[in-house]
Amino acid sequence: MTELAWFKSSYSSNEGADCVEIAWHKSSYSGDEGTECVEVASAPDAVLVRDSKDRSGPHLTFAPGAWQAFVEFARSV
């Protein structure tokens, strides 16, 4: 497993109240140079996916069941 990268929600106050944190982890299929990396983070009601080369850029959001179905399909191919 790769090292998790934690970050605090932008909705949290500076005092740390009402804090939400998620951890992104890089796909084990990503190359050592990080040129084709996908990072995934799990939240209670969603799975987030982003491009590790553009961490502040857009991300995709999936329902947990939809993500599980995608992973199962990808493994079968």
PDB file of N, CA and C in Angstrom:
ATOM      1  N   MET A   1       0.851  -1.186   0.000  1.00  0.00           N
ATOM      2  CA  MET A   1       0.000   0.000   0.000  1.00  0.00           C
ATOM      3  C   MET A   1       0.888   1.239   0.000  1.00  0.00           C
ATOM      4  N   THR A   2       0.467   2.221  -0.740  1.00  0.00           N
ATOM      5  CA  THR A   2       1.228   3.461  -0.791  1.00  0.00           C
ATOM      6  C   THR A   2       0.893   4.328   0.417  1.00  0.00           C
ATOM      7  N   GLU A   3       1.715   5.303   0.670  1.00  0.00           N
ATOM      8  CA  GLU A   3       1.488   6.218   1.792  1.00  0.00           C
ATOM      9  C   GLU A   3       0.251   7.070   1.528  1.00  0.00           C
ATOM     10  N   LEU A   4      -0.573   7.240   2.545  1.00  0.00           N
ATOM     11  CA  LEU A   4      -1.780   8.035   2.402  1.00  0.00           C
ATOM     12  C   LEU A   4      -1.471   9.513   2.569  1.00  0.00           C
ATOM     13  N   ALA A   5      -2.127  10.341   1.792  1.00  0.00           N
ATOM     14  CA  ALA A   5      -1.949  11.788   1.872  1.00  0.00           C
ATOM     15  C   ALA A   5      -3.228  12.380   2.446  1.00  0.00           C
ATOM     16  N   TRP A   6      -3.179  12.878   3.675  1.00  0.00           N
ATOM     17  CA  TRP A   6      -4.341  13.437   4.349  1.00  0.00           C
ATOM     18  C   TRP A   6      -4.429  14.932   4.094  1.00  0.00           C
ATOM     19  N   PHE A   7      -5.622  15.439   3.945  1.00  0.00           N
ATOM     20  CA  PHE A   7      -5.811  16.876   3.885  1.00  0.00           C
ATOM     21  C   PHE A   7      -7.138  17.234   4.521  1.00  0.00           C
ATOM     22  N   LYS A   8      -7.207  18.422   5.084  1.00  0.00           N
ATOM     23  CA  LYS A   8      -8.386  18.884   5.791  1.00  0.00           C
ATOM     24  C   LYS A   8      -9.365  19.523   4.813  1.00  0.00           C
ATOM     25  N   SER A   9     -10.621  19.308   5.052  1.00  0.00           N
ATOM     26  CA  SER A   9     -11.668  19.866   4.214  1.00  0.00           C
ATOM     27  C   SER A   9     -11.604  21.395   4.200  1.00  0.00           C
ATOM     28  N   SER A  10     -11.878  21.974   3.055  1.00  0.00           N
ATOM     29  CA  SER A  10     -11.916  23.434   2.951  1.00  0.00           C
ATOM     30  C   SER A  10     -13.109  24.014   3.716  1.00  0.00           C
ATOM     31  N   TYR A  11     -14.032  23.173   4.133  1.00  0.00           N
ATOM     32  CA  TYR A  11     -15.186  23.617   4.916  1.00  0.00           C
ATOM     33  C   TYR A  11     -14.882  23.667   6.407  1.00  0.00           C
ATOM     34  N   SER A  12     -13.696  23.214   6.823  1.00  0.00           N
ATOM     35  CA  SER A  12     -13.332  23.218   8.241  1.00  0.00           C
ATOM     36  C   SER A  12     -12.850  24.594   8.660  1.00  0.00           C
ATOM     37  N   SER A  13     -13.079  24.931   9.915  1.00  0.00           N
ATOM     38  CA  SER A  13     -12.588  26.217  10.418  1.00  0.00           C
ATOM     39  C   SER A  13     -11.100  26.097  10.735  1.00  0.00           C
ATOM     40  N   ASN A  14     -10.442  27.228  10.942  1.00  0.00           N
ATOM     41  CA  ASN A  14      -9.017  27.228  11.277  1.00  0.00           C
ATOM     42  C   ASN A  14      -8.739  26.608  12.636  1.00  0.00           C
ATOM     43  N   GLU A  15      -9.750  26.581  13.500  1.00  0.00           N
ATOM     44  CA  GLU A  15      -9.579  26.004  14.831  1.00  0.00           C
ATOM     45  C   GLU A  15      -9.714  24.487  14.805  1.00  0.00           C
ATOM     46  N   GLY A  16     -10.068  23.904  13.664  1.00  0.00           N
ATOM     47  CA  GLY A  16     -10.177  22.459  13.539  1.00  0.00           C
ATOM     48  C   GLY A  16     -11.553  21.907  13.859  1.00  0.00           C
ATOM     49  N   ALA A  17     -12.508  22.772  14.199  1.00  0.00           N
ATOM     50  CA  ALA A  17     -13.858  22.293  14.482  1.00  0.00           C
ATOM     51  C   ALA A  17     -14.536  21.849  13.189  1.00  0.00           C
ATOM     52  N   ASP A  18     -15.456  20.920  13.290  1.00  0.00           N
ATOM     53  CA  ASP A  18     -16.202  20.407  12.145  1.00  0.00           C
ATOM     54  C   ASP A  18     -15.286  19.961  11.011  1.00  0.00           C
ATOM     55  N   CYS A  19     -14.230  19.310  11.368  1.00  0.00           N
ATOM     56  CA  CYS A  19     -13.203  18.909  10.413  1.00  0.00           C
ATOM     57  C   CYS A  19     -13.560  17.604   9.700  1.00  0.00           C
ATOM     58  N   VAL A  20     -13.334  17.569   8.421  1.00  0.00           N
ATOM     59  CA  VAL A  20     -13.468  16.347   7.644  1.00  0.00           C
ATOM     60  C   VAL A  20     -12.148  16.142   6.918  1.00  0.00           C
ATOM     61  N   GLU A  21     -11.592  14.959   7.049  1.00  0.00           N
ATOM     62  CA  GLU A  21     -10.344  14.658   6.357  1.00  0.00           C
ATOM     63  C   GLU A  21     -10.540  13.428   5.493  1.00  0.00           C
ATOM     64  N   ILE A  22      -9.907  13.443   4.330  1.00  0.00           N
ATOM     65  CA  ILE A  22      -9.890  12.253   3.492  1.00  0.00           C
ATOM     66  C   ILE A  22      -8.454  11.957   3.106  1.00  0.00           C
ATOM     67  N   ALA A  23      -8.193  10.703   2.793  1.00  0.00           N
ATOM     68  CA  ALA A  23      -6.848  10.285   2.420  1.00  0.00           C
ATOM     69  C   ALA A  23      -6.862   9.780   0.983  1.00  0.00           C
ATOM     70  N   TRP A  24      -6.002  10.342   0.186  1.00  0.00           N
ATOM     71  CA  TRP A  24      -5.841   9.897  -1.204  1.00  0.00           C
ATOM     72  C   TRP A  24      -4.751   8.848  -1.239  1.00  0.00           C
ATOM     73  N   HIS A  25      -4.922   7.827  -2.034  1.00  0.00           N
ATOM     74  CA  HIS A  25      -3.830   6.879  -2.252  1.00  0.00           C
ATOM     75  C   HIS A  25      -3.714   6.581  -3.736  1.00  0.00           C
ATOM     76  N   LYS A  26      -2.465   6.404  -4.149  1.00  0.00           N
ATOM     77  CA  LYS A  26      -2.150   6.224  -5.560  1.00  0.00           C
ATOM     78  C   LYS A  26      -2.371   4.776  -5.963  1.00  0.00           C
ATOM     79  N   SER A  27      -2.830   4.561  -7.150  1.00  0.00           N
ATOM     80  CA  SER A  27      -3.050   3.227  -7.676  1.00  0.00           C
ATOM     81  C   SER A  27      -1.758   2.419  -7.657  1.00  0.00           C
ATOM     82  N   SER A  28      -1.863   1.146  -7.298  1.00  0.00           N
ATOM     83  CA  SER A  28      -0.683   0.270  -7.305  1.00  0.00           C
ATOM     84  C   SER A  28      -0.225  -0.015  -8.730  1.00  0.00           C
ATOM     85  N   TYR A  29      -1.043   0.317  -9.724  1.00  0.00           N
ATOM     86  CA  TYR A  29      -0.678   0.120 -11.120  1.00  0.00           C
ATOM     87  C   TYR A  29       0.043   1.324 -11.711  1.00  0.00           C
ATOM     88  N   SER A  30       0.201   2.377 -10.942  1.00  0.00           N
ATOM     89  CA  SER A  30       0.888   3.574 -11.425  1.00  0.00           C
ATOM     90  C   SER A  30       2.384   3.301 -11.522  1.00  0.00           C
ATOM     91  N   GLY A  31       3.006   3.880 -12.509  1.00  0.00           N
ATOM     92  CA  GLY A  31       4.444   3.698 -12.693  1.00  0.00           C
ATOM     93  C   GLY A  31       5.249   4.450 -11.652  1.00  0.00           C
ATOM     94  N   ASP A  32       6.519   4.091 -11.519  1.00  0.00           N
ATOM     95  CA  ASP A  32       7.405   4.740 -10.556  1.00  0.00           C
ATOM     96  C   ASP A  32       7.591   6.225 -10.844  1.00  0.00           C
ATOM     97  N   GLU A  33       7.541   6.601 -12.113  1.00  0.00           N
ATOM     98  CA  GLU A  33       7.749   8.004 -12.461  1.00  0.00           C
ATOM     99  C   GLU A  33       6.508   8.846 -12.221  1.00  0.00           C
ATOM    100  N   GLY A  34       5.383   8.215 -11.939  1.00  0.00           N
ATOM    101  CA  GLY A  34       4.164   8.952 -11.643  1.00  0.00           C
ATOM    102  C   GLY A  34       3.557   9.650 -12.833  1.00  0.00           C
ATOM    103  N   THR A  35       3.828   9.166 -14.038  1.00  0.00           N
ATOM    104  CA  THR A  35       3.327   9.856 -15.218  1.00  0.00           C
ATOM    105  C   THR A  35       1.900   9.473 -15.564  1.00  0.00           C
ATOM    106  N   GLU A  36       1.420   8.344 -15.089  1.00  0.00           N
ATOM    107  CA  GLU A  36       0.071   7.886 -15.398  1.00  0.00           C
ATOM    108  C   GLU A  36      -0.617   7.455 -14.122  1.00  0.00           C
ATOM    109  N   CYS A  37      -0.775   8.354 -13.174  1.00  0.00           N
ATOM    110  CA  CYS A  37      -1.259   7.996 -11.849  1.00  0.00           C
ATOM    111  C   CYS A  37      -2.704   8.401 -11.628  1.00  0.00           C
ATOM    112  N   VAL A  38      -3.406   7.519 -10.961  1.00  0.00           N
ATOM    113  CA  VAL A  38      -4.764   7.787 -10.511  1.00  0.00           C
ATOM    114  C   VAL A  38      -4.753   7.651  -8.995  1.00  0.00           C
ATOM    115  N   GLU A  39      -5.373   8.595  -8.313  1.00  0.00           N
ATOM    116  CA  GLU A  39      -5.487   8.536  -6.861  1.00  0.00           C
ATOM    117  C   GLU A  39      -6.952   8.411  -6.489  1.00  0.00           C
ATOM    118  N   VAL A  40      -7.209   7.648  -5.433  1.00  0.00           N
ATOM    119  CA  VAL A  40      -8.570   7.379  -4.987  1.00  0.00           C
ATOM    120  C   VAL A  40      -8.673   7.709  -3.510  1.00  0.00           C
ATOM    121  N   ALA A  41      -9.814   8.258  -3.110  1.00  0.00           N
ATOM    122  CA  ALA A  41     -10.103   8.526  -1.697  1.00  0.00           C
ATOM    123  C   ALA A  41     -11.526   8.063  -1.418  1.00  0.00           C
ATOM    124  N   SER A  42     -11.701   7.435  -0.266  1.00  0.00           N
ATOM    125  CA  SER A  42     -13.031   6.974   0.135  1.00  0.00           C
ATOM    126  C   SER A  42     -13.601   7.902   1.190  1.00  0.00           C
ATOM    127  N   ALA A  43     -14.817   8.306   0.975  1.00  0.00           N
ATOM    128  CA  ALA A  43     -15.578   9.078   1.951  1.00  0.00           C
ATOM    129  C   ALA A  43     -16.791   8.220   2.315  1.00  0.00           C
ATOM    130  N   PRO A  44     -17.523   8.582   3.363  1.00  0.00           N
ATOM    131  CA  PRO A  44     -18.653   7.737   3.768  1.00  0.00           C
ATOM    132  C   PRO A  44     -19.674   7.464   2.659  1.00  0.00           C
ATOM    133  N   ASP A  45     -19.985   8.457   1.839  1.00  0.00           N
ATOM    134  CA  ASP A  45     -21.015   8.285   0.817  1.00  0.00           C
ATOM    135  C   ASP A  45     -20.499   8.384  -0.608  1.00  0.00           C
ATOM    136  N   ALA A  46     -19.179   8.378  -0.793  1.00  0.00           N
ATOM    137  CA  ALA A  46     -18.645   8.560  -2.136  1.00  0.00           C
ATOM    138  C   ALA A  46     -17.224   8.020  -2.235  1.00  0.00           C
ATOM    139  N   VAL A  47     -16.833   7.745  -3.464  1.00  0.00           N
ATOM    140  CA  VAL A  47     -15.445   7.419  -3.785  1.00  0.00           C
ATOM    141  C   VAL A  47     -14.988   8.489  -4.763  1.00  0.00           C
ATOM    142  N   LEU A  48     -13.874   9.134  -4.450  1.00  0.00           N
ATOM    143  CA  LEU A  48     -13.348  10.221  -5.272  1.00  0.00           C
ATOM    144  C   LEU A  48     -12.140   9.723  -6.048  1.00  0.00           C
ATOM    145  N   VAL A  49     -12.012  10.161  -7.296  1.00  0.00           N
ATOM    146  CA  VAL A  49     -10.898   9.761  -8.154  1.00  0.00           C
ATOM    147  C   VAL A  49     -10.337  11.021  -8.786  1.00  0.00           C
ATOM    148  N   ARG A  50      -8.996  11.131  -8.790  1.00  0.00           N
ATOM    149  CA  ARG A  50      -8.366  12.306  -9.402  1.00  0.00           C
ATOM    150  C   ARG A  50      -7.068  11.905 -10.095  1.00  0.00           C
ATOM    151  N   ASP A  51      -6.578  12.796 -10.913  1.00  0.00           N
ATOM    152  CA  ASP A  51      -5.290  12.653 -11.595  1.00  0.00           C
ATOM    153  C   ASP A  51      -4.218  13.180 -10.659  1.00  0.00           C
ATOM    154  N   SER A  52      -3.239  12.353 -10.318  1.00  0.00           N
ATOM    155  CA  SER A  52      -2.223  12.785  -9.354  1.00  0.00           C
ATOM    156  C   SER A  52      -1.322  13.889  -9.896  1.00  0.00           C
ATOM    157  N   LYS A  53      -1.309  14.091 -11.215  1.00  0.00           N
ATOM    158  CA  LYS A  53      -0.489  15.168 -11.782  1.00  0.00           C
ATOM    159  C   LYS A  53      -1.168  16.525 -11.629  1.00  0.00           C
ATOM    160  N   ASP A  54      -2.483  16.507 -11.325  1.00  0.00           N
ATOM    161  CA  ASP A  54      -3.249  17.748 -11.192  1.00  0.00           C
ATOM    162  C   ASP A  54      -4.114  17.640  -9.937  1.00  0.00           C
ATOM    163  N   ARG A  55      -3.484  17.579  -8.784  1.00  0.00           N
ATOM    164  CA  ARG A  55      -4.183  17.328  -7.522  1.00  0.00           C
ATOM    165  C   ARG A  55      -5.193  18.405  -7.157  1.00  0.00           C
ATOM    166  N   SER A  56      -4.996  19.624  -7.595  1.00  0.00           N
ATOM    167  CA  SER A  56      -5.959  20.679  -7.288  1.00  0.00           C
ATOM    168  C   SER A  56      -7.019  20.806  -8.377  1.00  0.00           C
ATOM    169  N   GLY A  57      -6.894  19.976  -9.396  1.00  0.00           N
ATOM    170  CA  GLY A  57      -7.845  20.018 -10.502  1.00  0.00           C
ATOM    171  C   GLY A  57      -9.119  19.255 -10.188  1.00  0.00           C
ATOM    172  N   PRO A  58      -9.896  18.985 -11.210  1.00  0.00           N
ATOM    173  CA  PRO A  58     -11.182  18.315 -11.009  1.00  0.00           C
ATOM    174  C   PRO A  58     -11.009  16.868 -10.567  1.00  0.00           C
ATOM    175  N   HIS A  59     -12.056  16.329  -9.979  1.00  0.00           N
ATOM    176  CA  HIS A  59     -12.063  14.916  -9.623  1.00  0.00           C
ATOM    177  C   HIS A  59     -13.431  14.335  -9.972  1.00  0.00           C
ATOM    178  N   LEU A  60     -13.469  13.020 -10.082  1.00  0.00           N
ATOM    179  CA  LEU A  60     -14.715  12.315 -10.337  1.00  0.00           C
ATOM    180  C   LEU A  60     -15.263  11.805  -9.021  1.00  0.00           C
ATOM    181  N   THR A  61     -16.571  11.768  -8.884  1.00  0.00           N
ATOM    182  CA  THR A  61     -17.216  11.261  -7.680  1.00  0.00           C
ATOM    183  C   THR A  61     -18.152  10.125  -8.069  1.00  0.00           C
ATOM    184  N   PHE A  62     -17.999   8.993  -7.387  1.00  0.00           N
ATOM    185  CA  PHE A  62     -18.813   7.815  -7.646  1.00  0.00           C
ATOM    186  C   PHE A  62     -19.529   7.380  -6.384  1.00  0.00           C
ATOM    187  N   ALA A  63     -20.722   6.839  -6.531  1.00  0.00           N
ATOM    188  CA  ALA A  63     -21.380   6.167  -5.417  1.00  0.00           C
ATOM    189  C   ALA A  63     -20.563   4.910  -5.110  1.00  0.00           C
ATOM    190  N   PRO A  64     -20.452   4.517  -3.849  1.00  0.00           N
ATOM    191  CA  PRO A  64     -19.636   3.338  -3.516  1.00  0.00           C
ATOM    192  C   PRO A  64     -20.003   2.090  -4.322  1.00  0.00           C
ATOM    193  N   GLY A  65     -21.284   1.840  -4.539  1.00  0.00           N
ATOM    194  CA  GLY A  65     -21.691   0.669  -5.311  1.00  0.00           C
ATOM    195  C   GLY A  65     -21.253   0.736  -6.762  1.00  0.00           C
ATOM    196  N   ALA A  66     -21.326   1.925  -7.346  1.00  0.00           N
ATOM    197  CA  ALA A  66     -20.883   2.110  -8.735  1.00  0.00           C
ATOM    198  C   ALA A  66     -19.378   1.897  -8.851  1.00  0.00           C
ATOM    199  N   TRP A  67     -18.621   2.407  -7.876  1.00  0.00           N
ATOM    200  CA  TRP A  67     -17.168   2.221  -7.896  1.00  0.00           C
ATOM    201  C   TRP A  67     -16.819   0.740  -7.749  1.00  0.00           C
ATOM    202  N   GLN A  68     -17.507   0.055  -6.844  1.00  0.00           N
ATOM    203  CA  GLN A  68     -17.253  -1.372  -6.638  1.00  0.00           C
ATOM    204  C   GLN A  68     -17.535  -2.157  -7.921  1.00  0.00           C
ATOM    205  N   ALA A  69     -18.623  -1.835  -8.600  1.00  0.00           N
ATOM    206  CA  ALA A  69     -18.952  -2.498  -9.860  1.00  0.00           C
ATOM    207  C   ALA A  69     -17.874  -2.231 -10.900  1.00  0.00           C
ATOM    208  N   PHE A  70     -17.381  -0.989 -10.981  1.00  0.00           N
ATOM    209  CA  PHE A  70     -16.316  -0.661 -11.932  1.00  0.00           C
ATOM    210  C   PHE A  70     -15.044  -1.459 -11.637  1.00  0.00           C
ATOM    211  N   VAL A  71     -14.646  -1.505 -10.363  1.00  0.00           N
ATOM    212  CA  VAL A  71     -13.422  -2.237  -9.995  1.00  0.00           C
ATOM    213  C   VAL A  71     -13.569  -3.712 -10.316  1.00  0.00           C
ATOM    214  N   GLU A  72     -14.717  -4.294 -10.004  1.00  0.00           N
ATOM    215  CA  GLU A  72     -14.939  -5.713 -10.312  1.00  0.00           C
ATOM    216  C   GLU A  72     -14.874  -5.956 -11.818  1.00  0.00           C
ATOM    217  N   PHE A  73     -15.460  -5.055 -12.604  1.00  0.00           N
ATOM    218  CA  PHE A  73     -15.385  -5.183 -14.056  1.00  0.00           C
ATOM    219  C   PHE A  73     -13.946  -5.064 -14.540  1.00  0.00           C
ATOM    220  N   ALA A  74     -13.208  -4.067 -14.031  1.00  0.00           N
ATOM    221  CA  ALA A  74     -11.819  -3.859 -14.454  1.00  0.00           C
ATOM    222  C   ALA A  74     -10.959  -5.074 -14.131  1.00  0.00           C
ATOM    223  N   ARG A  75     -11.197  -5.695 -13.000  1.00  0.00           N
ATOM    224  CA  ARG A  75     -10.434  -6.894 -12.636  1.00  0.00           C
ATOM    225  C   ARG A  75     -10.730  -8.067 -13.546  1.00  0.00           C
ATOM    226  N   SER A  76     -11.936  -8.117 -14.100  1.00  0.00           N
ATOM    227  CA  SER A  76     -12.330  -9.261 -14.942  1.00  0.00           C
ATOM    228  C   SER A  76     -11.839  -9.155 -16.366  1.00  0.00           C
ATOM    229  N   VAL A  77     -11.401  -7.989 -16.771  1.00  0.00           N
ATOM    230  CA  VAL A  77     -10.976  -7.770 -18.154  1.00  0.00           C
ATOM    231  C   VAL A  77      -9.556  -8.212 -18.357  1.00  0.00           C
TER     232      VAL A  77
END
